[in-house]
Protein backbone atom coordinates (compact mmCIF):
# COMPACT_ATOMS: atom_id res chain seq x y z
CA MET A 1 0.00 -0.17 0.06
CA LEU A 2 1.31 3.37 -1.18
CA HIS A 3 1.72 6.23 1.24
CA VAL A 4 -0.35 9.04 -0.12
CA HIS A 5 0.31 12.65 0.65
CA GLN A 6 -3.01 14.52 0.48
CA PHE A 7 -3.46 18.26 0.05
CA GLY A 8 -6.22 20.89 -0.49
CA ASP A 9 -10.17 20.84 -0.02
CA PRO A 10 -11.74 17.27 0.04
CA ALA A 11 -14.44 18.31 -1.87
CA ALA A 12 -12.51 19.65 -4.70
CA PRO A 13 -12.02 17.95 -7.66
CA PRO A 14 -9.29 15.34 -7.77
CA LEU A 15 -5.80 15.56 -9.00
CA VAL A 16 -3.23 12.80 -8.80
CA ALA A 17 0.33 13.89 -8.93
CA LEU A 18 3.43 11.48 -9.48
CA HIS A 19 6.93 12.50 -8.51
CA GLY A 20 10.20 11.72 -10.46
CA VAL A 21 12.92 9.27 -9.63
CA GLN A 22 14.47 9.90 -6.11
CA GLY A 23 11.62 12.38 -5.28
CA HIS A 24 8.55 12.07 -3.00
CA GLY A 25 4.81 13.16 -3.15
CA GLY A 26 5.21 15.99 -0.77
CA ARG A 27 6.76 18.24 -3.42
CA PHE A 28 3.18 18.52 -5.00
CA ALA A 29 1.51 20.64 -2.28
CA PRO A 30 1.43 23.82 -4.02
CA LEU A 31 -0.75 22.46 -6.76
CA ALA A 32 -3.75 22.28 -4.27
CA THR A 33 -4.20 25.91 -3.75
CA ALA A 34 -2.87 27.05 -7.21
CA LEU A 35 -5.14 24.67 -8.98
CA GLY A 36 -8.33 24.52 -6.65
CA ARG A 37 -7.76 20.60 -6.32
CA ARG A 38 -7.76 17.71 -3.81
CA VAL A 39 -4.50 16.71 -4.61
CA HIS A 40 -3.45 12.91 -4.19
CA ALA A 41 0.30 12.43 -4.39
CA PRO A 42 1.78 8.93 -3.79
CA ASP A 43 5.17 8.30 -2.67
CA LEU A 44 5.98 5.72 -5.41
CA ALA A 45 7.49 2.29 -4.42
CA GLY A 46 11.15 2.48 -3.22
CA HIS A 47 10.80 6.03 -2.22
CA GLY A 48 9.46 8.21 0.71
CA LEU A 49 7.19 6.50 3.15
CA SER A 50 5.99 3.67 0.68
CA PRO A 51 7.19 0.10 0.87
CA TRP A 52 10.76 -0.25 -0.77
CA ASP A 53 10.63 -3.83 -1.78
CA PRO A 54 10.98 -4.77 -5.47
CA PRO A 55 9.70 -5.29 -8.15
CA TRP A 56 10.45 -1.83 -9.74
CA THR A 57 9.17 -2.40 -13.09
CA MET A 58 6.67 0.10 -14.89
CA GLU A 59 4.02 -2.59 -14.89
CA ARG A 60 4.53 -2.78 -11.06
CA TYR A 61 4.30 1.16 -10.72
CA VAL A 62 1.11 1.19 -13.00
CA ASP A 63 -0.53 -1.28 -10.87
CA ASP A 64 0.32 1.02 -7.67
CA VAL A 65 -1.33 3.95 -9.35
CA LEU A 66 -4.35 2.44 -10.62
CA THR A 67 -4.74 1.14 -6.95
CA VAL A 68 -4.68 4.83 -6.15
CA LEU A 69 -7.11 5.83 -8.93
CA ALA A 70 -9.86 3.12 -8.03
CA ASP A 71 -11.50 5.01 -5.27
CA LEU A 72 -11.51 8.13 -7.34
CA PRO A 73 -13.60 9.41 -10.17
CA PRO A 74 -11.79 9.90 -13.35
CA VAL A 75 -8.90 12.22 -12.68
CA ASP A 76 -6.39 14.63 -14.14
CA LEU A 77 -3.12 12.83 -13.82
CA ALA A 78 0.03 14.93 -13.30
CA GLY A 79 3.67 13.62 -13.38
CA HIS A 80 7.07 14.96 -13.35
CA SER A 81 10.03 13.37 -14.99
CA PHE A 82 9.64 9.61 -14.30
CA GLY A 83 6.22 10.48 -13.01
CA GLY A 84 5.22 11.95 -16.42
CA ALA A 85 6.16 8.89 -18.26
CA LEU A 86 4.31 6.67 -15.60
CA ALA A 87 1.35 8.71 -16.02
CA VAL A 88 1.21 8.10 -19.81
CA TRP A 89 1.77 4.47 -19.10
CA THR A 90 -1.16 4.44 -16.50
CA ALA A 91 -3.55 6.41 -19.01
CA ARG A 92 -2.60 3.78 -21.72
CA ARG A 93 -3.44 1.01 -19.48
CA ASP A 94 -6.90 2.24 -18.44
CA PRO A 95 -7.68 5.60 -20.33
CA SER A 96 -11.31 5.42 -18.62
CA ARG A 97 -9.35 6.70 -15.28
CA VAL A 98 -7.77 9.59 -16.71
CA ARG A 99 -9.53 12.86 -17.74
CA SER A 100 -6.31 14.32 -18.79
CA LEU A 101 -2.51 14.39 -18.36
CA LEU A 102 -0.15 17.10 -17.24
CA LEU A 103 3.38 16.26 -17.84
CA ILE A 104 6.30 18.20 -16.54
CA ASP A 105 9.07 17.59 -18.51
CA PRO A 106 8.37 13.95 -18.94
CA ALA A 107 11.36 11.45 -19.08
CA MET A 108 9.74 9.10 -21.84
CA GLY A 109 12.20 6.84 -23.75
CA ILE A 110 15.35 8.19 -22.49
CA SER A 111 18.49 6.95 -24.16
CA PRO A 112 20.41 3.84 -22.69
CA GLU A 113 23.58 6.07 -22.31
CA ALA A 114 21.39 8.82 -20.33
CA ALA A 115 19.71 6.05 -18.24
CA GLY A 116 23.01 4.21 -17.40
CA ARG A 117 24.55 7.42 -16.22
CA GLY A 118 21.22 8.02 -13.94
CA ALA A 119 21.44 4.52 -12.70
CA ASP A 120 25.22 4.93 -11.72
CA ASP A 121 24.41 8.04 -9.92
CA ALA A 122 21.67 6.45 -8.20
CA VAL A 123 23.59 3.90 -6.55
CA THR A 124 26.25 6.21 -5.25
CA GLN A 125 23.59 7.81 -2.78
CA PRO A 126 25.35 10.47 -0.82
CA SER A 127 25.07 10.64 3.09
CA PHE A 128 25.56 13.59 5.34
CA ALA A 129 26.99 13.87 8.93
CA THR A 130 24.72 17.05 9.80
CA LEU A 131 21.66 18.70 8.31
CA GLU A 132 23.76 21.76 7.51
CA GLU A 133 25.98 19.46 5.32
CA ALA A 134 22.77 17.87 3.56
CA SER A 135 21.79 21.79 3.16
CA ALA A 136 25.02 22.75 1.58
CA TRP A 137 24.86 19.88 -0.71
CA LEU A 138 21.11 20.47 -2.00
CA ALA A 139 22.05 24.15 -2.43
CA ALA A 140 24.87 23.03 -5.06
CA MET A 141 22.51 20.64 -6.63
CA TRP A 142 19.55 22.79 -6.96
CA PRO A 143 20.99 26.31 -7.32
CA ALA A 144 17.96 27.87 -9.31
CA VAL A 145 15.52 26.58 -6.73
CA PRO A 146 14.37 29.18 -3.85
CA ASP A 147 15.90 28.39 -0.15
CA GLY A 148 12.27 27.83 1.22
CA VAL A 149 11.89 24.94 -1.50
CA ARG A 150 15.14 23.45 -0.53
CA ALA A 151 14.33 23.77 3.40
CA ALA A 152 11.21 22.13 2.76
CA GLU A 153 12.98 19.14 0.85
CA ILE A 154 15.22 18.76 3.77
CA ASP A 155 12.69 18.67 6.15
CA GLN A 156 10.38 16.34 4.53
CA HIS A 157 12.79 13.99 2.70
CA LEU A 158 15.77 13.53 4.70
CA ALA A 159 15.98 10.72 7.44
CA ARG A 160 18.75 9.71 9.75
CA GLY A 161 19.76 6.02 9.52
CA ASP A 162 21.10 3.62 12.13
CA ASP A 163 24.47 4.76 11.28
CA ARG A 164 23.51 8.28 12.42
CA ARG A 165 24.05 9.72 8.80
CA TYR A 166 21.42 11.68 6.95
CA ARG A 167 20.25 10.27 3.60
CA PHE A 168 17.25 11.33 1.38
CA ARG A 169 14.44 8.55 1.55
CA PHE A 170 14.62 6.33 -1.39
CA ARG A 171 16.24 3.16 -2.01
CA PRO A 172 19.35 3.47 -4.45
CA ALA A 173 18.29 0.08 -6.16
CA ALA A 174 14.90 1.07 -6.78
CA ALA A 175 16.11 4.65 -8.36
CA ALA A 176 18.79 2.80 -10.54
CA THR A 177 16.06 -0.01 -11.73
CA VAL A 178 13.79 3.09 -12.55
CA TYR A 179 16.38 4.70 -14.76
CA SER A 180 16.58 1.18 -16.53
CA GLU A 181 12.87 1.30 -17.02
CA LEU A 182 13.01 4.83 -18.63
CA SER A 183 14.93 3.53 -21.46
CA ARG A 184 12.25 1.36 -22.66
CA GLU A 185 10.33 2.20 -25.90
CA SER A 186 8.10 5.25 -25.62
CA VAL A 187 4.45 4.81 -25.41
CA THR A 188 2.13 7.67 -26.19
CA PRO A 189 -0.97 9.13 -24.18
CA PRO A 190 -4.43 7.86 -25.86
CA PRO A 191 -5.79 9.92 -28.43
CA SER A 192 -8.76 10.60 -26.06
CA VAL A 193 -6.86 11.92 -23.22
CA PRO A 194 -6.00 15.66 -23.81
CA THR A 195 -2.32 16.05 -22.95
CA LEU A 196 -0.23 19.10 -21.62
CA VAL A 197 3.63 18.79 -22.00
CA LEU A 198 5.51 21.33 -20.27
CA ARG A 199 9.04 21.33 -21.62
CA ALA A 200 12.48 22.71 -20.28
CA PRO A 201 13.94 22.63 -23.88
CA ARG A 202 17.61 23.12 -22.61
CA GLU A 203 17.49 19.93 -20.57
CA ARG A 204 16.67 17.84 -23.41
CA VAL A 205 14.66 15.53 -21.23
CA VAL A 206 11.73 15.38 -23.95
CA ARG A 207 12.70 13.58 -26.73
CA ARG A 208 11.63 14.67 -30.34
CA HIS A 209 11.01 11.30 -31.06
CA PHE A 210 8.40 10.97 -28.31
CA LEU A 211 6.85 14.25 -29.62
CA LYS A 212 6.84 12.59 -33.31
CA LEU A 213 5.06 9.45 -31.91
CA CYS A 214 2.48 11.60 -30.47
CA ALA A 215 1.79 13.55 -33.68
CA ALA A 216 1.96 10.29 -35.97
CA ASP A 217 -0.71 8.56 -33.40
CA GLY A 218 -3.13 11.66 -33.42
CA CYS A 219 -2.58 12.36 -29.81
CA ASP A 220 -4.30 15.69 -28.64
CA VAL A 221 -1.05 16.99 -27.22
CA THR A 222 -0.45 20.78 -26.22
CA LEU A 223 3.57 21.55 -25.87
CA VAL A 224 4.53 24.49 -23.96
CA ASP A 225 8.16 25.41 -23.45
CA ILE A 226 9.69 27.40 -20.38
CA ASP A 227 13.12 28.36 -19.92
CA CYS A 228 14.25 26.75 -16.99
CA GLY A 229 15.98 23.61 -15.70
CA HIS A 230 14.27 20.16 -15.03
CA LEU A 231 13.01 20.93 -11.71
CA MET A 232 10.32 23.00 -13.46
CA LEU A 233 7.81 23.37 -10.69
CA GLU A 234 10.27 24.18 -8.05
CA GLU A 235 12.17 26.81 -10.18
CA ARG A 236 9.23 28.39 -12.01
CA PRO A 237 6.16 27.73 -10.00
CA ASP A 238 4.21 30.64 -11.32
CA GLU A 239 4.72 29.81 -14.89
CA VAL A 240 4.05 26.28 -14.66
CA LEU A 241 0.92 26.49 -12.56
CA ALA A 242 -0.37 29.29 -14.92
CA GLU A 243 -0.01 26.88 -17.80
CA MET A 244 -1.63 24.13 -15.71
CA ARG A 245 -4.80 26.24 -14.99
CA THR A 246 -5.14 27.38 -18.73
CA PHE A 247 -4.91 23.70 -19.90
CA LEU A 248 -7.39 22.64 -17.10
CA SER A 249 -9.88 25.36 -18.34
CA ARG A 250 -9.61 24.29 -21.83
CA VAL A 251 -10.17 20.58 -21.12
CA GLY A 252 -13.25 21.51 -19.03
CA ALA A 253 -12.22 21.78 -15.26
CA ALA A 254 -12.82 24.62 -13.17
CA PRO A 255 -9.39 25.50 -11.31
CA ALA A 256 -9.17 28.29 -8.95
CA GLU A 257 -7.89 31.72 -10.16
């Protein structure tokens, strides 16, 4: 059973948000107020407060997400990076559960070379003697992210182990396996599901091959470029959330102003 973070008015329309590899569902709290939604944001397997046991295949992750969706009406499904790819795979499995897709720099069908580098980095998980050391490391890794967002990440996603050192809450083997899964052949959103793709073009995470497949398959895809790094929601929240509101209005939702 996944741990699911929930934010916003329980009576508001549901939006499910899926985090990237090494991330956690708590990052999506800003969506609740900005979009006027009840946000359900699971910690995916191998991450956060959810079980860390394998398997870590895309099929298992889709099964887990569909379990979250089972008690909800059809939802708007958002995802960042790996979460974006997972959102597409979930919509392909059961499009009746998904009203629309909001994909934040989705990592669909990344190159084997990039996947291998990501997996290598994931298995060398950093650890820290103090919270100050962890904060300094994160500041170097996330230079364009505001101090308050980095502080929340330290507060919500860092844990102290039996060896008294601090580490972020993910299992390195799970993260490495996810990178391998991301090198699988791209799948496209169902044509019946309107899809927003928010792309950070300088990062080159969203592959042109994926967009060409979407066009060839007749998918209803809106592409918006924002000049920022891969952590789009953390770096440019106002722009990202504004594009989400516009898109949700177009597909028939009623997001807050």
